[in-house]
Protein backbone atom coordinates (compact mmCIF):
# COMPACT_ATOMS: atom_id res chain seq x y z
CA MET A 1 13.17 -5.29 -1.30
CA THR A 2 13.59 -6.83 2.15
CA ILE A 3 11.81 -5.78 5.31
CA TRP A 4 12.80 -6.94 8.77
CA ILE A 5 10.11 -6.94 11.44
CA ALA A 6 10.10 -7.89 15.11
CA HIS A 7 7.10 -10.22 15.38
CA HIS A 8 5.98 -13.27 13.41
CA ALA A 9 2.40 -12.09 13.91
CA GLY A 10 3.12 -9.05 11.75
CA ARG A 11 3.74 -11.04 8.56
CA ALA A 12 0.07 -11.53 7.74
CA LEU A 13 -0.61 -7.79 7.78
CA LEU A 14 2.19 -6.82 5.36
CA PRO A 15 2.06 -6.84 1.55
CA ASP A 16 2.50 -10.25 -0.06
CA ASP A 17 4.97 -9.05 -2.67
CA VAL A 18 7.73 -7.96 -0.27
CA GLU A 19 10.25 -10.21 1.40
CA VAL A 20 9.66 -10.18 5.16
CA LYS A 21 12.08 -11.59 7.72
CA VAL A 22 11.68 -11.65 11.50
CA PHE A 23 14.35 -10.44 13.92
CA THR A 24 12.95 -10.64 17.43
CA GLY A 25 15.75 -9.09 19.45
CA PRO A 26 19.40 -9.01 20.52
CA ASP A 27 19.42 -12.65 21.65
CA ALA A 28 18.08 -13.92 18.32
CA ASP A 29 20.12 -14.92 15.28
CA LEU A 30 20.09 -12.43 12.42
CA PRO A 31 17.61 -13.70 9.80
CA GLY A 32 19.76 -12.61 6.88
CA GLU A 33 22.49 -10.26 5.72
CA LEU A 34 22.45 -6.75 7.20
CA SER A 35 23.07 -5.38 3.70
CA GLU A 36 19.68 -6.62 2.48
CA VAL A 37 17.55 -4.56 4.85
CA ARG A 38 15.80 -1.53 3.35
CA PHE A 39 12.93 -1.07 5.81
CA TRP A 40 13.31 -2.12 9.44
CA VAL A 41 10.77 -2.51 12.25
CA PRO A 42 12.96 -3.10 15.34
CA PRO A 43 11.79 -4.91 18.46
CA PHE A 44 9.60 -2.88 20.83
CA LEU A 45 11.56 -0.80 23.36
CA SER A 46 14.93 -1.84 21.92
CA GLY A 47 18.18 -0.96 23.63
CA GLY A 48 21.73 -0.24 22.58
CA ASP A 49 22.66 -3.60 21.06
CA VAL A 50 19.76 -3.39 18.62
CA VAL A 51 20.08 0.33 17.92
CA SER A 52 23.72 -0.10 16.91
CA LEU A 53 22.71 -2.48 14.11
CA ALA A 54 21.37 0.47 12.10
CA GLY A 55 24.90 1.68 11.46
CA ARG A 56 25.78 -1.72 9.97
CA MET A 57 22.90 -1.78 7.48
CA PRO A 58 24.39 0.01 4.44
CA ASN A 59 21.18 0.00 2.38
CA LEU A 60 18.76 0.87 5.14
CA ASP A 61 16.28 3.60 4.21
CA VAL A 62 13.58 3.57 6.92
CA ILE A 63 13.38 2.60 10.58
CA GLN A 64 9.77 2.34 11.70
CA LEU A 65 9.56 2.14 15.48
CA LEU A 66 6.77 0.41 17.37
CA SER A 67 7.05 2.90 20.24
CA ALA A 68 5.63 6.40 20.45
CA GLY A 69 8.92 7.68 21.84
CA ALA A 70 12.10 7.76 19.77
CA ASP A 71 14.58 8.76 22.49
CA ALA A 72 16.60 5.53 22.25
CA TRP A 73 17.13 6.10 18.49
CA ALA A 74 17.17 9.84 17.81
CA GLY A 75 20.66 11.02 16.95
CA LYS A 76 22.03 7.47 16.95
CA VAL A 77 21.22 6.33 13.42
CA PRO A 78 22.86 7.36 10.13
CA THR A 79 21.59 10.69 8.82
CA SER A 80 20.59 9.00 5.56
CA VAL A 81 18.03 6.85 7.41
CA ARG A 82 14.51 8.13 7.98
CA LEU A 83 13.38 7.42 11.53
CA CYS A 84 9.62 7.21 12.21
CA ASP A 85 7.81 6.67 15.50
CA ALA A 86 4.48 4.95 16.16
CA ARG A 87 2.51 8.03 17.11
CA GLY A 88 -1.15 7.08 17.47
CA VAL A 89 -0.62 3.36 18.04
CA HIS A 90 -0.40 3.71 21.83
CA ASP A 91 -3.01 6.41 22.37
CA SER A 92 -5.77 4.19 23.72
CA SER A 93 -3.60 1.90 25.86
CA THR A 94 -1.54 4.65 27.47
CA ALA A 95 -4.60 6.82 28.07
CA GLU A 96 -6.33 3.81 29.66
CA TRP A 97 -3.34 3.21 31.91
CA ALA A 98 -3.30 6.85 33.00
CA VAL A 99 -7.02 6.82 33.85
CA GLY A 100 -6.61 3.54 35.71
CA ALA A 101 -3.58 4.80 37.63
CA ILE A 102 -5.38 8.01 38.59
CA LEU A 103 -8.45 6.14 39.83
CA ALA A 104 -6.40 3.49 41.63
CA SER A 105 -4.35 6.15 43.39
CA LEU A 106 -7.24 8.39 44.39
CA ARG A 107 -9.49 5.50 45.48
CA ARG A 108 -6.51 3.69 47.11
CA PHE A 109 -7.02 0.43 45.27
CA ASP A 110 -3.38 -0.52 45.93
CA GLU A 111 -3.93 -0.23 49.67
CA PHE A 112 -7.15 -2.25 49.49
CA ALA A 113 -5.36 -4.95 47.48
CA ARG A 114 -2.70 -5.23 50.16
CA ALA A 115 -5.41 -5.34 52.84
CA GLN A 116 -7.11 -8.15 50.90
CA GLU A 117 -3.90 -10.18 51.05
CA ARG A 118 -3.98 -9.71 54.82
CA ARG A 119 -7.71 -10.64 54.91
CA GLU A 120 -8.34 -7.28 56.53
CA TRP A 121 -11.67 -5.45 56.18
CA SER A 122 -10.07 -2.02 55.96
CA TYR A 123 -13.01 0.38 55.76
CA ARG A 124 -12.11 2.31 58.91
CA ARG A 125 -8.45 2.50 57.93
CA PHE A 126 -8.78 3.94 54.42
CA ALA A 127 -12.30 5.34 53.96
CA PRO A 128 -13.32 7.87 52.93
CA THR A 129 -11.02 8.01 49.91
CA ASP A 130 -10.43 10.85 47.49
CA GLU A 131 -12.35 11.02 44.18
CA LEU A 132 -11.71 12.06 40.59
CA ALA A 133 -14.88 14.10 40.10
CA GLY A 134 -14.20 17.82 40.10
CA LYS A 135 -10.42 17.55 39.92
CA ARG A 136 -8.23 19.98 37.98
CA VAL A 137 -6.01 17.91 35.66
CA LEU A 138 -2.87 19.36 34.11
CA ILE A 139 -1.74 17.33 31.07
CA VAL A 140 1.90 18.09 30.26
CA GLY A 141 2.21 17.02 26.63
CA ALA A 142 -0.60 18.00 24.27
CA GLY A 143 -0.04 15.33 21.63
CA SER A 144 -2.29 12.50 20.52
CA ILE A 145 -2.00 10.58 23.80
CA GLY A 146 -2.82 13.72 25.76
CA ARG A 147 -5.96 14.25 23.67
CA ALA A 148 -6.94 10.60 24.10
CA LEU A 149 -6.53 10.92 27.85
CA ALA A 150 -8.63 14.09 27.97
CA ALA A 151 -11.44 12.36 26.05
CA ARG A 152 -11.46 9.52 28.56
CA LEU A 153 -11.38 11.87 31.56
CA ALA A 154 -14.22 14.07 30.31
CA PRO A 155 -17.04 11.90 31.78
CA PHE A 156 -15.48 12.28 35.22
CA GLU A 157 -16.38 15.99 35.33
CA VAL A 158 -12.79 17.22 35.52
CA GLU A 159 -11.20 20.45 34.36
CA ILE A 160 -8.45 19.87 31.79
CA THR A 161 -5.50 22.17 31.15
CA TYR A 162 -2.92 21.39 28.45
CA VAL A 163 0.76 22.31 28.43
CA ALA A 164 3.17 21.91 25.50
CA ARG A 165 6.54 23.21 24.29
CA SER A 166 4.92 26.35 22.93
CA ALA A 167 1.57 28.02 23.46
CA ARG A 168 -1.23 27.73 20.93
CA ASP A 169 -4.99 27.92 20.98
CA GLY A 170 -6.17 26.04 24.06
CA VAL A 171 -2.63 25.03 25.07
CA HIS A 172 -0.31 26.75 27.54
CA SER A 173 3.44 27.04 27.12
CA ILE A 174 5.71 24.97 29.32
CA ASP A 175 7.10 28.28 30.57
CA GLU A 176 3.76 28.80 32.36
CA LEU A 177 4.17 25.72 34.57
CA PRO A 178 5.20 27.70 37.68
CA SER A 179 1.78 29.37 37.73
CA LEU A 180 -0.18 26.25 36.71
CA LEU A 181 1.29 23.65 39.06
CA PRO A 182 0.04 25.19 42.34
CA VAL A 183 -3.61 24.93 41.23
CA ALA A 184 -3.53 21.44 39.65
CA ASP A 185 -4.85 18.46 41.59
CA ILE A 186 -3.39 15.95 39.12
CA VAL A 187 -0.35 16.43 36.87
CA VAL A 188 0.05 13.90 34.04
CA LEU A 189 3.36 13.67 32.16
CA LEU A 190 3.10 12.64 28.50
CA VAL A 191 6.12 14.38 27.00
CA PRO A 192 8.80 12.68 24.89
CA LEU A 193 12.28 12.31 26.36
CA THR A 194 14.53 14.94 24.82
CA PRO A 195 17.41 17.05 26.14
CA ALA A 196 14.82 19.72 27.01
CA THR A 197 12.58 17.35 29.02
CA ARG A 198 15.23 15.22 30.73
CA GLY A 199 15.04 15.98 34.43
CA MET A 200 12.30 18.59 34.02
CA ILE A 201 10.47 17.11 37.04
CA ASP A 202 13.02 18.36 39.53
CA ALA A 203 12.83 19.50 43.14
CA ALA A 204 11.48 22.93 42.15
CA PHE A 205 8.76 21.41 39.95
CA LEU A 206 7.66 19.06 42.73
CA ALA A 207 7.75 21.79 45.35
CA ALA A 208 5.44 23.91 43.20
CA MET A 209 2.76 21.21 43.20
CA ARG A 210 -0.06 21.79 45.64
CA ASP A 211 -0.37 19.78 48.85
CA GLY A 212 -2.17 16.49 48.19
CA ALA A 213 -1.59 16.61 44.42
CA LEU A 214 -1.00 13.47 42.36
CA LEU A 215 1.85 13.19 39.82
CA VAL A 216 1.35 10.64 37.02
CA ASN A 217 4.32 9.72 34.82
CA ALA A 218 3.40 7.89 31.61
CA ALA A 219 6.26 9.50 29.67
CA ARG A 220 9.82 8.26 30.29
CA GLY A 221 11.63 7.67 33.56
CA PRO A 222 14.42 10.23 33.04
CA VAL A 223 11.85 13.00 32.59
CA ALA A 224 11.75 12.97 36.39
CA ASP A 225 14.70 13.39 38.74
CA THR A 226 14.39 10.10 40.63
CA ASN A 227 16.11 11.32 43.79
CA ALA A 228 13.99 14.46 43.95
CA LEU A 229 10.82 12.43 43.44
CA ALA A 230 11.71 9.92 46.16
CA LYS A 231 12.58 12.74 48.56
CA GLU A 232 9.31 14.60 47.93
CA LEU A 233 7.20 11.45 48.22
CA SER A 234 8.87 10.54 51.50
CA THR A 235 7.35 13.66 53.07
CA GLY A 236 3.82 12.47 52.26
CA ARG A 237 2.93 15.88 50.85
CA ILE A 238 2.13 14.58 47.35
CA THR A 239 1.50 11.16 45.82
CA ALA A 240 2.51 9.64 42.48
CA ALA A 241 1.69 6.90 40.00
CA VAL A 242 4.45 5.95 37.56
CA ASP A 243 4.78 3.45 34.75
CA VAL A 244 8.37 4.45 34.02
CA THR A 245 11.43 4.85 36.21
CA ASP A 246 15.07 5.81 35.98
CA PRO A 247 16.72 3.33 35.91
CA GLU A 248 14.71 0.51 34.34
CA PRO A 249 14.32 -2.15 35.53
CA LEU A 250 14.24 -0.69 39.02
CA PRO A 251 16.83 -2.45 41.24
CA PRO A 252 15.37 -4.39 44.20
CA ASP A 253 17.09 -2.10 46.73
CA HIS A 254 15.94 1.16 45.12
CA PRO A 255 14.16 3.58 47.51
CA LEU A 256 11.22 4.04 45.13
CA TRP A 257 9.98 0.57 46.09
CA THR A 258 9.27 1.66 49.65
CA VAL A 259 8.40 5.37 49.55
CA PRO A 260 4.86 6.12 50.69
CA GLY A 261 2.17 7.24 48.28
CA LEU A 262 3.60 5.64 45.14
CA LEU A 263 1.78 3.33 42.72
CA LEU A 264 4.35 1.74 40.41
CA THR A 265 3.91 -0.45 37.32
CA PRO A 266 6.79 -1.88 35.20
CA HIS A 267 6.47 0.09 31.93
CA VAL A 268 3.33 -1.73 30.83
CA ALA A 269 1.08 1.11 29.63
CA GLY A 270 1.52 0.20 25.97
CA SER A 271 1.84 -3.56 26.43
CA VAL A 272 -1.70 -4.70 25.67
CA ARG A 273 -3.16 -7.48 23.53
CA GLY A 274 -4.28 -5.08 20.83
CA LEU A 275 -0.81 -3.58 20.34
CA LEU A 276 0.53 -5.80 17.56
CA PRO A 277 -2.52 -5.66 15.26
CA ARG A 278 -2.63 -1.86 15.58
CA ALA A 279 1.11 -1.54 15.17
CA TYR A 280 1.42 -3.70 12.07
CA ARG A 281 -1.56 -2.10 10.37
CA MET A 282 0.37 1.15 10.81
CA VAL A 283 3.53 -0.53 9.48
CA ALA A 284 1.67 -1.85 6.42
CA ALA A 285 0.35 1.61 5.59
CA GLN A 286 3.83 3.05 6.03
CA VAL A 287 5.35 0.42 3.74
CA GLU A 288 2.85 1.34 1.02
CA ARG A 289 3.75 5.03 1.36
CA TRP A 290 7.42 4.16 1.20
CA ARG A 291 7.09 1.99 -1.90
CA SER A 292 5.05 4.59 -3.76
CA GLY A 293 7.39 7.44 -2.89
CA GLN A 294 4.87 9.29 -0.72
CA PRO A 295 5.93 11.25 2.39
CA LEU A 296 6.16 9.02 5.45
CA ASP A 297 4.01 9.52 8.52
CA ASN A 298 5.46 10.33 11.95
CA GLU A 299 8.97 11.09 10.76
CA VAL A 300 11.11 12.08 13.76
CA VAL A 301 12.57 15.58 13.63
CA ASP A 302 14.63 17.05 16.49
CA GLY A 303 13.90 14.02 18.65
CA TYR A 304 10.11 14.19 18.25
């Protein structure tokens, strides 16, 4: 059996008795015949050119993604292929990014960094800043990353409210957002990109947020209506921190670069040094389940 993976560093963590070949991305030569691939670990955050290869792999059984989201792949691979995401691999890194983005936004670290470049002692200009202690945090997306974020926010003495597709014990339904948004100080987006979540952060959603609230997008760019977000931020009524945009990369002349109250990072929440060891330990465990005929973990159903 032949497995294709995306990183040379992953070889050492996979079983010795399987053939492993490395395909690093669309600009790389194919390491073998497409017909030989049974289990495929595509490059992280792959686009259309890579996704389309799945339809040309006649013996492909499993696609194991390295991303927590499967939006680029769901519905675009043969129905005979089992598609699995990397749920759990990015919990710590994405939760860390969200905490960092919240603190940086509230304590205005971005403004102080710019003042440092100007050699400006900016105490009178920016102090006092806001603080995280005592804030009401609404986490939209009650999956593993949402739980990891809540655990990291707990020491900051915040009040956590969860929202998901449907209500369950301790979790509100997404239908309750109109009543929850006006009382939240911080709204964190951690939902997958699906037809139901695309554009859910629209003008009405933003208008329902309380004055001075902070929106944090660690989900996918198209979850938010970019034009509506830019328009709302331009008023100065709310602020935002985003790791994802629509489109990506963001063009140099895009209005998001210059709107006030926005902290923007280039989709780096999951790109940390510990990613590959965590990811390929997960891949190795999945390969063992696959070879022994056990049910696979994190199989994507209905886009999730």
